[in-house]
Amino acid sequence: VSHALALHRGIIAVPSGQTIIETGENPFTQVRHYKLSRVARRRKFFSLILLLYRLFAAVLLVWVGTYFLVYTVSVTELILNAVALGIILDIDDLLFDALATTPGRHLVHQLDPLLMPSLPRVRGADAKSAF
């Protein structure tokens, strides 16, 4: 959930406009890298929809997963159910590794970090640490 929130904050912080991905090359390693310089408003809205979906799925998974583990009687079934729940939590990474094309994976791995504004501060501590 924290990764989804950070991704959405980063996308919202990018200036609006027609989506532009700039390319560059590191002169020392000669590896191409990409920078997201503008994002269209509809993509930002789609990012919000995905964030809400991920939050809903996380809350539902916590709710159902808790009941799933609480009502398990034997220790072997508890371990098996915990492993199954862990696989469900990691399924998005597994699907990306299995289904993403090589250029898509390259783009994701070589994308420069998104610049994000700092969180508001409350008595010297940022808002993330207060919650």
Foldseek 3Di string as FASTA:
>chain_A
DVVLVVVLQLQVPAAEDDWDKDWDADPPVRQIAIETRYDHPVVSVVSVVVSVVVVVVVVVLVVVLVVVLVPDDDPVVNVVSVVVSVCVVCVVVVCCVVPPDPVRVSHVVRYDDGDGDFADDDPRHHPVVVD
